[in-house]
Amino acid sequence: MRILLGATTAMALLITSAASANEIKVQVKNASKQLAMSIRVFATGISAASECLVKSGQLSKRIAKETLPLSLLEVGISPEVLDNPQVIKAASILSPTLNTDCTSTTMSIEAINRLIKDEP
């Protein structure tokens, strides 16, 4: 009887462990997607601000081109994210909505997030 009870308990633990492992995989996948989106949002913001500063004459195009990748590297983000089509498109939409000092936008955070979400 003890062996049977032990085997039943072991099976229950294995099933629970498998379910937990699948749940953890789903959580990791969701967290990875959220992190990727957050990185794109950050890159979009600094790219849009850079574009705005160049257009307003507060920053040269050369300096912007050189410093933008460095500012991403400083926070541990690969500059390759600047080549992401979603980032490029969202930055071009966001940049004209920035105020004269390029620090604030009329767009809501939700609208900006929608610009960079993964395509369905």
PDB file of N, CA and C in Angstrom:
ATOM      1  N   MET A   1       0.816  -1.182   0.000  1.00  0.00           N
ATOM      2  CA  MET A   1       0.000   0.000   0.000  1.00  0.00           C
ATOM      3  C   MET A   1       0.862   1.250   0.000  1.00  0.00           C
ATOM      4  N   ARG A   2       1.954   1.231   0.794  1.00  0.00           N
ATOM      5  CA  ARG A   2       2.846   2.386   0.840  1.00  0.00           C
ATOM      6  C   ARG A   2       3.477   2.665  -0.517  1.00  0.00           C
ATOM      7  N   ILE A   3       3.896   1.630  -1.201  1.00  0.00           N
ATOM      8  CA  ILE A   3       4.526   1.795  -2.502  1.00  0.00           C
ATOM      9  C   ILE A   3       3.527   2.392  -3.479  1.00  0.00           C
ATOM     10  N   LEU A   4       2.302   1.933  -3.457  1.00  0.00           N
ATOM     11  CA  LEU A   4       1.273   2.456  -4.334  1.00  0.00           C
ATOM     12  C   LEU A   4       1.012   3.920  -4.039  1.00  0.00           C
ATOM     13  N   LEU A   5       0.918   4.273  -2.772  1.00  0.00           N
ATOM     14  CA  LEU A   5       0.707   5.655  -2.372  1.00  0.00           C
ATOM     15  C   LEU A   5       1.887   6.510  -2.815  1.00  0.00           C
ATOM     16  N   GLY A   6       3.091   5.997  -2.651  1.00  0.00           N
ATOM     17  CA  GLY A   6       4.298   6.715  -3.069  1.00  0.00           C
ATOM     18  C   GLY A   6       4.316   6.934  -4.572  1.00  0.00           C
ATOM     19  N   ALA A   7       3.933   5.917  -5.345  1.00  0.00           N
ATOM     20  CA  ALA A   7       3.898   6.033  -6.796  1.00  0.00           C
ATOM     21  C   ALA A   7       2.845   7.040  -7.230  1.00  0.00           C
ATOM     22  N   THR A   8       1.702   7.043  -6.589  1.00  0.00           N
ATOM     23  CA  THR A   8       0.635   7.992  -6.912  1.00  0.00           C
ATOM     24  C   THR A   8       1.081   9.418  -6.625  1.00  0.00           C
ATOM     25  N   THR A   9       1.714   9.589  -5.489  1.00  0.00           N
ATOM     26  CA  THR A   9       2.220  10.912  -5.124  1.00  0.00           C
ATOM     27  C   THR A   9       3.298  11.358  -6.112  1.00  0.00           C
ATOM     28  N   ALA A  10       4.176  10.456  -6.484  1.00  0.00           N
ATOM     29  CA  ALA A  10       5.240  10.782  -7.436  1.00  0.00           C
ATOM     30  C   ALA A  10       4.651  11.179  -8.784  1.00  0.00           C
ATOM     31  N   MET A  11       3.633  10.454  -9.244  1.00  0.00           N
ATOM     32  CA  MET A  11       2.980  10.776 -10.512  1.00  0.00           C
ATOM     33  C   MET A  11       2.316  12.146 -10.430  1.00  0.00           C
ATOM     34  N   ALA A  12       1.659  12.408  -9.320  1.00  0.00           N
ATOM     35  CA  ALA A  12       1.005  13.703  -9.141  1.00  0.00           C
ATOM     36  C   ALA A  12       2.040  14.824  -9.181  1.00  0.00           C
ATOM     37  N   LEU A  13       3.183  14.607  -8.538  1.00  0.00           N
ATOM     38  CA  LEU A  13       4.249  15.613  -8.550  1.00  0.00           C
ATOM     39  C   LEU A  13       4.813  15.815  -9.946  1.00  0.00           C
ATOM     40  N   LEU A  14       4.977  14.719 -10.694  1.00  0.00           N
ATOM     41  CA  LEU A  14       5.479  14.830 -12.065  1.00  0.00           C
ATOM     42  C   LEU A  14       4.516  15.614 -12.945  1.00  0.00           C
ATOM     43  N   ILE A  15       3.235  15.324 -12.809  1.00  0.00           N
ATOM     44  CA  ILE A  15       2.220  16.032 -13.601  1.00  0.00           C
ATOM     45  C   ILE A  15       2.216  17.507 -13.220  1.00  0.00           C
ATOM     46  N   THR A  16       2.257  17.778 -11.916  1.00  0.00           N
ATOM     47  CA  THR A  16       2.296  19.155 -11.443  1.00  0.00           C
ATOM     48  C   THR A  16       3.559  19.854 -11.930  1.00  0.00           C
ATOM     49  N   SER A  17       4.695  19.146 -11.882  1.00  0.00           N
ATOM     50  CA  SER A  17       5.954  19.717 -12.335  1.00  0.00           C
ATOM     51  C   SER A  17       5.905  20.032 -13.830  1.00  0.00           C
ATOM     52  N   ALA A  18       5.333  19.136 -14.613  1.00  0.00           N
ATOM     53  CA  ALA A  18       5.220  19.364 -16.053  1.00  0.00           C
ATOM     54  C   ALA A  18       4.323  20.567 -16.329  1.00  0.00           C
ATOM     55  N   ALA A  19       3.210  20.652 -15.606  1.00  0.00           N
ATOM     56  CA  ALA A  19       2.311  21.791 -15.778  1.00  0.00           C
ATOM     57  C   ALA A  19       3.014  23.075 -15.362  1.00  0.00           C
ATOM     58  N   SER A  20       3.750  23.018 -14.265  1.00  0.00           N
ATOM     59  CA  SER A  20       4.498  24.187 -13.794  1.00  0.00           C
ATOM     60  C   SER A  20       5.565  24.582 -14.804  1.00  0.00           C
ATOM     61  N   ALA A  21       6.241  23.607 -15.374  1.00  0.00           N
ATOM     62  CA  ALA A  21       7.280  23.895 -16.368  1.00  0.00           C
ATOM     63  C   ALA A  21       6.671  24.576 -17.587  1.00  0.00           C
ATOM     64  N   ASN A  22       5.503  24.092 -18.031  1.00  0.00           N
ATOM     65  CA  ASN A  22       4.835  24.724 -19.167  1.00  0.00           C
ATOM     66  C   ASN A  22       4.395  26.141 -18.825  1.00  0.00           C
ATOM     67  N   GLU A  23       3.889  26.312 -17.614  1.00  0.00           N
ATOM     68  CA  GLU A  23       3.468  27.640 -17.177  1.00  0.00           C
ATOM     69  C   GLU A  23       4.665  28.589 -17.118  1.00  0.00           C
ATOM     70  N   ILE A  24       5.781  28.085 -16.645  1.00  0.00           N
ATOM     71  CA  ILE A  24       7.000  28.904 -16.576  1.00  0.00           C
ATOM     72  C   ILE A  24       7.458  29.276 -17.978  1.00  0.00           C
ATOM     73  N   LYS A  25       7.401  28.334 -18.915  1.00  0.00           N
ATOM     74  CA  LYS A  25       7.778  28.615 -20.301  1.00  0.00           C
ATOM     75  C   LYS A  25       6.909  29.723 -20.880  1.00  0.00           C
ATOM     76  N   VAL A  26       5.608  29.667 -20.614  1.00  0.00           N
ATOM     77  CA  VAL A  26       4.684  30.686 -21.103  1.00  0.00           C
ATOM     78  C   VAL A  26       5.011  32.039 -20.475  1.00  0.00           C
ATOM     79  N   GLN A  27       5.292  32.042 -19.184  1.00  0.00           N
ATOM     80  CA  GLN A  27       5.639  33.285 -18.494  1.00  0.00           C
ATOM     81  C   GLN A  27       6.932  33.877 -19.041  1.00  0.00           C
ATOM     82  N   VAL A  28       7.921  33.035 -19.301  1.00  0.00           N
ATOM     83  CA  VAL A  28       9.191  33.500 -19.850  1.00  0.00           C
ATOM     84  C   VAL A  28       8.969  34.076 -21.251  1.00  0.00           C
ATOM     85  N   LYS A  29       8.166  33.395 -22.046  1.00  0.00           N
ATOM     86  CA  LYS A  29       7.883  33.867 -23.407  1.00  0.00           C
ATOM     87  C   LYS A  29       7.188  35.225 -23.352  1.00  0.00           C
ATOM     88  N   ASN A  30       6.202  35.373 -22.471  1.00  0.00           N
ATOM     89  CA  ASN A  30       5.493  36.640 -22.336  1.00  0.00           C
ATOM     90  C   ASN A  30       6.415  37.745 -21.833  1.00  0.00           C
ATOM     91  N   ALA A  31       7.269  37.417 -20.878  1.00  0.00           N
ATOM     92  CA  ALA A  31       8.215  38.402 -20.354  1.00  0.00           C
ATOM     93  C   ALA A  31       9.205  38.829 -21.432  1.00  0.00           C
ATOM     94  N   SER A  32       9.637  37.889 -22.257  1.00  0.00           N
ATOM     95  CA  SER A  32      10.557  38.207 -23.351  1.00  0.00           C
ATOM     96  C   SER A  32       9.908  39.152 -24.354  1.00  0.00           C
ATOM     97  N   LYS A  33       8.642  38.884 -24.681  1.00  0.00           N
ATOM     98  CA  LYS A  33       7.919  39.769 -25.598  1.00  0.00           C
ATOM     99  C   LYS A  33       7.771  41.165 -25.009  1.00  0.00           C
ATOM    100  N   GLN A  34       7.445  41.222 -23.719  1.00  0.00           N
ATOM    101  CA  GLN A  34       7.279  42.512 -23.055  1.00  0.00           C
ATOM    102  C   GLN A  34       8.596  43.280 -23.020  1.00  0.00           C
ATOM    103  N   LEU A  35       9.691  42.581 -22.746  1.00  0.00           N
ATOM    104  CA  LEU A  35      11.002  43.218 -22.721  1.00  0.00           C
ATOM    105  C   LEU A  35      11.366  43.751 -24.109  1.00  0.00           C
ATOM    106  N   ALA A  36      11.134  42.958 -25.128  1.00  0.00           N
ATOM    107  CA  ALA A  36      11.432  43.393 -26.494  1.00  0.00           C
ATOM    108  C   ALA A  36      10.623  44.642 -26.847  1.00  0.00           C
ATOM    109  N   MET A  37       9.367  44.654 -26.451  1.00  0.00           N
ATOM    110  CA  MET A  37       8.533  45.824 -26.725  1.00  0.00           C
ATOM    111  C   MET A  37       9.055  47.046 -25.968  1.00  0.00           C
ATOM    112  N   SER A  38       9.434  46.856 -24.715  1.00  0.00           N
ATOM    113  CA  SER A  38       9.963  47.965 -23.919  1.00  0.00           C
ATOM    114  C   SER A  38      11.241  48.526 -24.537  1.00  0.00           C
ATOM    115  N   ILE A  39      12.076  47.655 -25.052  1.00  0.00           N
ATOM    116  CA  ILE A  39      13.309  48.092 -25.710  1.00  0.00           C
ATOM    117  C   ILE A  39      12.965  48.904 -26.951  1.00  0.00           C
ATOM    118  N   ARG A  40      11.996  48.431 -27.732  1.00  0.00           N
ATOM    119  CA  ARG A  40      11.591  49.183 -28.929  1.00  0.00           C
ATOM    120  C   ARG A  40      10.991  50.534 -28.558  1.00  0.00           C
ATOM    121  N   VAL A  41      10.217  50.584 -27.469  1.00  0.00           N
ATOM    122  CA  VAL A  41       9.639  51.854 -27.017  1.00  0.00           C
ATOM    123  C   VAL A  41      10.757  52.828 -26.655  1.00  0.00           C
ATOM    124  N   PHE A  42      11.729  52.366 -25.890  1.00  0.00           N
ATOM    125  CA  PHE A  42      12.846  53.222 -25.492  1.00  0.00           C
ATOM    126  C   PHE A  42      13.601  53.714 -26.720  1.00  0.00           C
ATOM    127  N   ALA A  43      13.924  52.802 -27.637  1.00  0.00           N
ATOM    128  CA  ALA A  43      14.659  53.173 -28.855  1.00  0.00           C
ATOM    129  C   ALA A  43      13.842  54.151 -29.698  1.00  0.00           C
ATOM    130  N   THR A  44      12.542  53.944 -29.764  1.00  0.00           N
ATOM    131  CA  THR A  44      11.670  54.857 -30.503  1.00  0.00           C
ATOM    132  C   THR A  44      11.720  56.250 -29.889  1.00  0.00           C
ATOM    133  N   GLY A  45      11.657  56.319 -28.575  1.00  0.00           N
ATOM    134  CA  GLY A  45      11.672  57.611 -27.893  1.00  0.00           C
ATOM    135  C   GLY A  45      12.947  58.389 -28.123  1.00  0.00           C
ATOM    136  N   ILE A  46      14.091  57.731 -27.967  1.00  0.00           N
ATOM    137  CA  ILE A  46      15.329  58.492 -28.145  1.00  0.00           C
ATOM    138  C   ILE A  46      15.597  58.788 -29.617  1.00  0.00           C
ATOM    139  N   SER A  47      15.140  57.920 -30.494  1.00  0.00           N
ATOM    140  CA  SER A  47      15.283  58.172 -31.921  1.00  0.00           C
ATOM    141  C   SER A  47      14.413  59.360 -32.351  1.00  0.00           C
ATOM    142  N   ALA A  48      13.182  59.391 -31.854  1.00  0.00           N
ATOM    143  CA  ALA A  48      12.280  60.500 -32.173  1.00  0.00           C
ATOM    144  C   ALA A  48      12.820  61.816 -31.623  1.00  0.00           C
ATOM    145  N   ALA A  49      13.336  61.778 -30.403  1.00  0.00           N
ATOM    146  CA  ALA A  49      13.909  62.998 -29.810  1.00  0.00           C
ATOM    147  C   ALA A  49      15.120  63.461 -30.611  1.00  0.00           C
ATOM    148  N   SER A  50      15.935  62.521 -31.044  1.00  0.00           N
ATOM    149  CA  SER A  50      17.099  62.855 -31.851  1.00  0.00           C
ATOM    150  C   SER A  50      16.677  63.502 -33.171  1.00  0.00           C
ATOM    151  N   GLU A  51      15.693  62.900 -33.847  1.00  0.00           N
ATOM    152  CA  GLU A  51      15.170  63.474 -35.098  1.00  0.00           C
ATOM    153  C   GLU A  51      14.640  64.887 -34.866  1.00  0.00           C
ATOM    154  N   CYS A  52      13.907  65.068 -33.793  1.00  0.00           N
ATOM    155  CA  CYS A  52      13.334  66.359 -33.446  1.00  0.00           C
ATOM    156  C   CYS A  52      14.434  67.398 -33.225  1.00  0.00           C
ATOM    157  N   LEU A  53      15.466  67.027 -32.481  1.00  0.00           N
ATOM    158  CA  LEU A  53      16.574  67.946 -32.204  1.00  0.00           C
ATOM    159  C   LEU A  53      17.313  68.335 -33.485  1.00  0.00           C
ATOM    160  N   VAL A  54      17.457  67.385 -34.395  1.00  0.00           N
ATOM    161  CA  VAL A  54      18.110  67.677 -35.675  1.00  0.00           C
ATOM    162  C   VAL A  54      17.233  68.633 -36.490  1.00  0.00           C
ATOM    163  N   LYS A  55      15.942  68.343 -36.582  1.00  0.00           N
ATOM    164  CA  LYS A  55      15.034  69.187 -37.365  1.00  0.00           C
ATOM    165  C   LYS A  55      14.930  70.603 -36.810  1.00  0.00           C
ATOM    166  N   SER A  56      15.035  70.739 -35.499  1.00  0.00           N
ATOM    167  CA  SER A  56      14.930  72.063 -34.889  1.00  0.00           C
ATOM    168  C   SER A  56      16.273  72.799 -34.872  1.00  0.00           C
ATOM    169  N   GLY A  57      17.334  72.150 -35.356  1.00  0.00           N
ATOM    170  CA  GLY A  57      18.644  72.787 -35.419  1.00  0.00           C
ATOM    171  C   GLY A  57      19.405  72.765 -34.104  1.00  0.00           C
ATOM    172  N   GLN A  58      18.913  72.034 -33.121  1.00  0.00           N
ATOM    173  CA  GLN A  58      19.588  71.977 -31.825  1.00  0.00           C
ATOM    174  C   GLN A  58      20.708  70.938 -31.784  1.00  0.00           C
ATOM    175  N   LEU A  59      20.766  70.098 -32.814  1.00  0.00           N
ATOM    176  CA  LEU A  59      21.744  69.019 -32.872  1.00  0.00           C
ATOM    177  C   LEU A  59      22.076  68.767 -34.332  1.00  0.00           C
ATOM    178  N   SER A  60      23.352  68.566 -34.616  1.00  0.00           N
ATOM    179  CA  SER A  60      23.715  68.274 -36.005  1.00  0.00           C
ATOM    180  C   SER A  60      23.370  66.821 -36.328  1.00  0.00           C
ATOM    181  N   LYS A  61      23.121  66.589 -37.593  1.00  0.00           N
ATOM    182  CA  LYS A  61      22.780  65.236 -38.033  1.00  0.00           C
ATOM    183  C   LYS A  61      23.939  64.272 -37.761  1.00  0.00           C
ATOM    184  N   ARG A  62      25.157  64.738 -37.956  1.00  0.00           N
ATOM    185  CA  ARG A  62      26.341  63.904 -37.732  1.00  0.00           C
ATOM    186  C   ARG A  62      26.459  63.497 -36.264  1.00  0.00           C
ATOM    187  N   ILE A  63      26.298  64.465 -35.375  1.00  0.00           N
ATOM    188  CA  ILE A  63      26.389  64.163 -33.938  1.00  0.00           C
ATOM    189  C   ILE A  63      25.266  63.213 -33.524  1.00  0.00           C
ATOM    190  N   ALA A  64      24.066  63.457 -34.035  1.00  0.00           N
ATOM    191  CA  ALA A  64      22.934  62.579 -33.702  1.00  0.00           C
ATOM    192  C   ALA A  64      23.210  61.153 -34.154  1.00  0.00           C
ATOM    193  N   LYS A  65      23.726  61.025 -35.368  1.00  0.00           N
ATOM    194  CA  LYS A  65      24.000  59.694 -35.921  1.00  0.00           C
ATOM    195  C   LYS A  65      25.074  58.966 -35.109  1.00  0.00           C
ATOM    196  N   GLU A  66      26.046  59.708 -34.598  1.00  0.00           N
ATOM    197  CA  GLU A  66      27.127  59.096 -33.822  1.00  0.00           C
ATOM    198  C   GLU A  66      26.708  58.785 -32.385  1.00  0.00           C
ATOM    199  N   THR A  67      25.904  59.659 -31.782  1.00  0.00           N
ATOM    200  CA  THR A  67      25.603  59.495 -30.357  1.00  0.00           C
ATOM    201  C   THR A  67      24.403  58.603 -30.069  1.00  0.00           C
ATOM    202  N   LEU A  68      23.485  58.496 -30.995  1.00  0.00           N
ATOM    203  CA  LEU A  68      22.296  57.669 -30.763  1.00  0.00           C
ATOM    204  C   LEU A  68      22.651  56.218 -30.451  1.00  0.00           C
ATOM    205  N   PRO A  69      23.495  55.565 -31.253  1.00  0.00           N
ATOM    206  CA  PRO A  69      23.876  54.185 -30.909  1.00  0.00           C
ATOM    207  C   PRO A  69      24.620  54.099 -29.570  1.00  0.00           C
ATOM    208  N   LEU A  70      25.443  55.094 -29.278  1.00  0.00           N
ATOM    209  CA  LEU A  70      26.188  55.084 -28.014  1.00  0.00           C
ATOM    210  C   LEU A  70      25.252  55.200 -26.817  1.00  0.00           C
ATOM    211  N   SER A  71      24.199  56.012 -26.962  1.00  0.00           N
ATOM    212  CA  SER A  71      23.268  56.156 -25.841  1.00  0.00           C
ATOM    213  C   SER A  71      22.529  54.849 -25.565  1.00  0.00           C
ATOM    214  N   LEU A  72      22.281  54.073 -26.599  1.00  0.00           N
ATOM    215  CA  LEU A  72      21.664  52.759 -26.397  1.00  0.00           C
ATOM    216  C   LEU A  72      22.645  51.798 -25.738  1.00  0.00           C
ATOM    217  N   LEU A  73      23.878  51.806 -26.210  1.00  0.00           N
ATOM    218  CA  LEU A  73      24.893  50.924 -25.626  1.00  0.00           C
ATOM    219  C   LEU A  73      25.105  51.213 -24.145  1.00  0.00           C
ATOM    220  N   GLU A  74      25.003  52.475 -23.761  1.00  0.00           N
ATOM    221  CA  GLU A  74      25.197  52.848 -22.353  1.00  0.00           C
ATOM    222  C   GLU A  74      24.192  52.175 -21.426  1.00  0.00           C
ATOM    223  N   VAL A  75      23.014  51.870 -21.947  1.00  0.00           N
ATOM    224  CA  VAL A  75      22.002  51.207 -21.118  1.00  0.00           C
ATOM    225  C   VAL A  75      21.858  49.727 -21.468  1.00  0.00           C
ATOM    226  N   GLY A  76      22.833  49.204 -22.223  1.00  0.00           N
ATOM    227  CA  GLY A  76      22.868  47.774 -22.509  1.00  0.00           C
ATOM    228  C   GLY A  76      21.970  47.311 -23.631  1.00  0.00           C
ATOM    229  N   ILE A  77      21.613  48.224 -24.534  1.00  0.00           N
ATOM    230  CA  ILE A  77      20.747  47.862 -25.660  1.00  0.00           C
ATOM    231  C   ILE A  77      21.567  47.913 -26.942  1.00  0.00           C
ATOM    232  N   SER A  78      21.426  46.880 -27.760  1.00  0.00           N
ATOM    233  CA  SER A  78      22.132  46.844 -29.034  1.00  0.00           C
ATOM    234  C   SER A  78      21.604  47.942 -29.955  1.00  0.00           C
ATOM    235  N   PRO A  79      22.500  48.704 -30.584  1.00  0.00           N
ATOM    236  CA  PRO A  79      22.065  49.737 -31.524  1.00  0.00           C
ATOM    237  C   PRO A  79      21.315  49.185 -32.739  1.00  0.00           C
ATOM    238  N   GLU A  80      21.409  47.879 -32.941  1.00  0.00           N
ATOM    239  CA  GLU A  80      20.699  47.261 -34.061  1.00  0.00           C
ATOM    240  C   GLU A  80      19.186  47.483 -33.972  1.00  0.00           C
ATOM    241  N   VAL A  81      18.680  47.748 -32.771  1.00  0.00           N
ATOM    242  CA  VAL A  81      17.249  47.982 -32.614  1.00  0.00           C
ATOM    243  C   VAL A  81      16.814  49.218 -33.412  1.00  0.00           C
ATOM    244  N   LEU A  82      17.748  50.118 -33.689  1.00  0.00           N
ATOM    245  CA  LEU A  82      17.421  51.310 -34.475  1.00  0.00           C
ATOM    246  C   LEU A  82      17.070  50.968 -35.918  1.00  0.00           C
ATOM    247  N   ASP A  83      17.468  49.775 -36.376  1.00  0.00           N
ATOM    248  CA  ASP A  83      17.153  49.320 -37.731  1.00  0.00           C
ATOM    249  C   ASP A  83      15.825  48.580 -37.799  1.00  0.00           C
ATOM    250  N   ASN A  84      15.181  48.380 -36.646  1.00  0.00           N
ATOM    251  CA  ASN A  84      13.897  47.689 -36.605  1.00  0.00           C
ATOM    252  C   ASN A  84      12.854  48.546 -37.325  1.00  0.00           C
ATOM    253  N   PRO A  85      12.151  47.983 -38.320  1.00  0.00           N
ATOM    254  CA  PRO A  85      11.169  48.766 -39.071  1.00  0.00           C
ATOM    255  C   PRO A  85      10.100  49.420 -38.195  1.00  0.00           C
ATOM    256  N   GLN A  86       9.708  48.740 -37.115  1.00  0.00           N
ATOM    257  CA  GLN A  86       8.704  49.318 -36.213  1.00  0.00           C
ATOM    258  C   GLN A  86       9.260  50.554 -35.517  1.00  0.00           C
ATOM    259  N   VAL A  87      10.511  50.502 -35.104  1.00  0.00           N
ATOM    260  CA  VAL A  87      11.150  51.634 -34.432  1.00  0.00           C
ATOM    261  C   VAL A  87      11.280  52.797 -35.401  1.00  0.00           C
ATOM    262  N   ILE A  88      11.719  52.525 -36.610  1.00  0.00           N
ATOM    263  CA  ILE A  88      11.884  53.579 -37.617  1.00  0.00           C
ATOM    264  C   ILE A  88      10.552  54.264 -37.902  1.00  0.00           C
ATOM    265  N   LYS A  89       9.521  53.460 -38.145  1.00  0.00           N
ATOM    266  CA  LYS A  89       8.200  54.019 -38.452  1.00  0.00           C
ATOM    267  C   LYS A  89       7.639  54.794 -37.264  1.00  0.00           C
ATOM    268  N   ALA A  90       7.707  54.202 -36.077  1.00  0.00           N
ATOM    269  CA  ALA A  90       7.143  54.853 -34.891  1.00  0.00           C
ATOM    270  C   ALA A  90       7.877  56.152 -34.574  1.00  0.00           C
ATOM    271  N   ALA A  91       9.200  56.164 -34.720  1.00  0.00           N
ATOM    272  CA  ALA A  91       9.976  57.384 -34.445  1.00  0.00           C
ATOM    273  C   ALA A  91       9.600  58.493 -35.409  1.00  0.00           C
ATOM    274  N   SER A  92       9.370  58.136 -36.675  1.00  0.00           N
ATOM    275  CA  SER A  92       9.004  59.164 -37.658  1.00  0.00           C
ATOM    276  C   SER A  92       7.610  59.727 -37.396  1.00  0.00           C
ATOM    277  N   ILE A  93       6.738  58.923 -36.797  1.00  0.00           N
ATOM    278  CA  ILE A  93       5.395  59.391 -36.435  1.00  0.00           C
ATOM    279  C   ILE A  93       5.444  60.197 -35.143  1.00  0.00           C
ATOM    280  N   LEU A  94       6.262  59.751 -34.200  1.00  0.00           N
ATOM    281  CA  LEU A  94       6.349  60.407 -32.892  1.00  0.00           C
ATOM    282  C   LEU A  94       7.089  61.740 -32.953  1.00  0.00           C
ATOM    283  N   SER A  95       8.158  61.811 -33.703  1.00  0.00           N
ATOM    284  CA  SER A  95       9.022  62.993 -33.729  1.00  0.00           C
ATOM    285  C   SER A  95       8.259  64.303 -33.971  1.00  0.00           C
ATOM    286  N   PRO A  96       7.379  64.378 -34.961  1.00  0.00           N
ATOM    287  CA  PRO A  96       6.672  65.643 -35.199  1.00  0.00           C
ATOM    288  C   PRO A  96       5.698  66.044 -34.075  1.00  0.00           C
ATOM    289  N   THR A  97       5.380  65.117 -33.194  1.00  0.00           N
ATOM    290  CA  THR A  97       4.444  65.437 -32.112  1.00  0.00           C
ATOM    291  C   THR A  97       5.155  65.978 -30.872  1.00  0.00           C
ATOM    292  N   LEU A  98       6.497  66.016 -30.913  1.00  0.00           N
ATOM    293  CA  LEU A  98       7.255  66.498 -29.760  1.00  0.00           C
ATOM    294  C   LEU A  98       7.191  68.022 -29.681  1.00  0.00           C
ATOM    295  N   ASN A  99       7.316  68.554 -28.465  1.00  0.00           N
ATOM    296  CA  ASN A  99       7.276  70.006 -28.275  1.00  0.00           C
ATOM    297  C   ASN A  99       8.579  70.642 -28.768  1.00  0.00           C
ATOM    298  N   THR A 100       8.713  71.957 -28.618  1.00  0.00           N
ATOM    299  CA  THR A 100       9.859  72.672 -29.186  1.00  0.00           C
ATOM    300  C   THR A 100      11.197  72.264 -28.584  1.00  0.00           C
ATOM    301  N   ASP A 101      11.206  71.808 -27.345  1.00  0.00           N
ATOM    302  CA  ASP A 101      12.481  71.339 -26.784  1.00  0.00           C
ATOM    303  C   ASP A 101      12.618  69.814 -26.901  1.00  0.00           C
ATOM    304  N   CYS A 102      11.720  69.189 -27.629  1.00  0.00           N
ATOM    305  CA  CYS A 102      11.776  67.757 -27.970  1.00  0.00           C
ATOM    306  C   CYS A 102      11.715  66.840 -26.751  1.00  0.00           C
ATOM    307  N   THR A 103      11.028  67.277 -25.704  1.00  0.00           N
ATOM    308  CA  THR A 103      10.978  66.478 -24.485  1.00  0.00           C
ATOM    309  C   THR A 103       9.593  65.948 -24.140  1.00  0.00           C
ATOM    310  N   SER A 104       8.571  66.427 -24.805  1.00  0.00           N
ATOM    311  CA  SER A 104       7.214  66.014 -24.458  1.00  0.00           C
ATOM    312  C   SER A 104       6.394  65.854 -25.736  1.00  0.00           C
ATOM    313  N   THR A 105       5.418  64.976 -25.684  1.00  0.00           N
ATOM    314  CA  THR A 105       4.591  64.702 -26.855  1.00  0.00           C
ATOM    315  C   THR A 105       3.121  64.836 -26.522  1.00  0.00           C
ATOM    316  N   THR A 106       2.350  65.064 -27.551  1.00  0.00           N
ATOM    317  CA  THR A 106       0.896  65.109 -27.385  1.00  0.00           C
ATOM    318  C   THR A 106       0.290  63.713 -27.478  1.00  0.00           C
ATOM    319  N   MET A 107       1.099  62.734 -27.892  1.00  0.00           N
ATOM    320  CA  MET A 107       0.604  61.356 -27.997  1.00  0.00           C
ATOM    321  C   MET A 107       0.555  60.705 -26.624  1.00  0.00           C
ATOM    322  N   SER A 108      -0.419  59.844 -26.445  1.00  0.00           N
ATOM    323  CA  SER A 108      -0.522  59.098 -25.186  1.00  0.00           C
ATOM    324  C   SER A 108       0.463  57.926 -25.211  1.00  0.00           C
ATOM    325  N   ILE A 109       0.807  57.449 -24.046  1.00  0.00           N
ATOM    326  CA  ILE A 109       1.687  56.276 -23.936  1.00  0.00           C
ATOM    327  C   ILE A 109       1.049  55.087 -24.642  1.00  0.00           C
ATOM    328  N   GLU A 110      -0.264  54.955 -24.515  1.00  0.00           N
ATOM    329  CA  GLU A 110      -0.956  53.839 -25.165  1.00  0.00           C
ATOM    330  C   GLU A 110      -0.810  53.916 -26.680  1.00  0.00           C
ATOM    331  N   ALA A 111      -0.927  55.126 -27.238  1.00  0.00           N
ATOM    332  CA  ALA A 111      -0.793  55.294 -28.686  1.00  0.00           C
ATOM    333  C   ALA A 111       0.623  54.963 -29.137  1.00  0.00           C
ATOM    334  N   ILE A 112       1.598  55.372 -28.362  1.00  0.00           N
ATOM    335  CA  ILE A 112       2.999  55.063 -28.701  1.00  0.00           C
ATOM    336  C   ILE A 112       3.228  53.562 -28.638  1.00  0.00           C
ATOM    337  N   ASN A 113       2.713  52.904 -27.595  1.00  0.00           N
ATOM    338  CA  ASN A 113       2.853  51.451 -27.483  1.00  0.00           C
ATOM    339  C   ASN A 113       2.223  50.726 -28.663  1.00  0.00           C
ATOM    340  N   ARG A 114       1.070  51.225 -29.130  1.00  0.00           N
ATOM    341  CA  ARG A 114       0.414  50.591 -30.281  1.00  0.00           C
ATOM    342  C   ARG A 114       1.277  50.697 -31.536  1.00  0.00           C
ATOM    343  N   LEU A 115       2.060  51.758 -31.640  1.00  0.00           N
ATOM    344  CA  LEU A 115       2.918  51.939 -32.817  1.00  0.00           C
ATOM    345  C   LEU A 115       3.990  50.858 -32.923  1.00  0.00           C
ATOM    346  N   ILE A 116       4.458  50.362 -31.793  1.00  0.00           N
ATOM    347  CA  ILE A 116       5.612  49.454 -31.820  1.00  0.00           C
ATOM    348  C   ILE A 116       5.283  48.014 -31.459  1.00  0.00           C
ATOM    349  N   LYS A 117       4.014  47.714 -31.238  1.00  0.00           N
ATOM    350  CA  LYS A 117       3.641  46.322 -30.920  1.00  0.00           C
ATOM    351  C   LYS A 117       3.924  45.409 -32.099  1.00  0.00           C
ATOM    352  N   ASP A 118       4.157  44.153 -31.785  1.00  0.00           N
ATOM    353  CA  ASP A 118       4.365  43.154 -32.834  1.00  0.00           C
ATOM    354  C   ASP A 118       3.165  43.101 -33.751  1.00  0.00           C
ATOM    355  N   GLU A 119       3.454  42.859 -35.015  1.00  0.00           N
ATOM    356  CA  GLU A 119       2.378  42.681 -35.992  1.00  0.00           C
ATOM    357  C   GLU A 119       1.630  41.389 -35.653  1.00  0.00           C
ATOM    358  N   PRO A 120       0.315  41.361 -35.850  1.00  0.00           N
ATOM    359  CA  PRO A 120      -0.463  40.147 -35.538  1.00  0.00           C
ATOM    360  C   PRO A 120      -0.099  38.961 -36.410  1.00  0.00           C
TER     361      PRO A 120
END
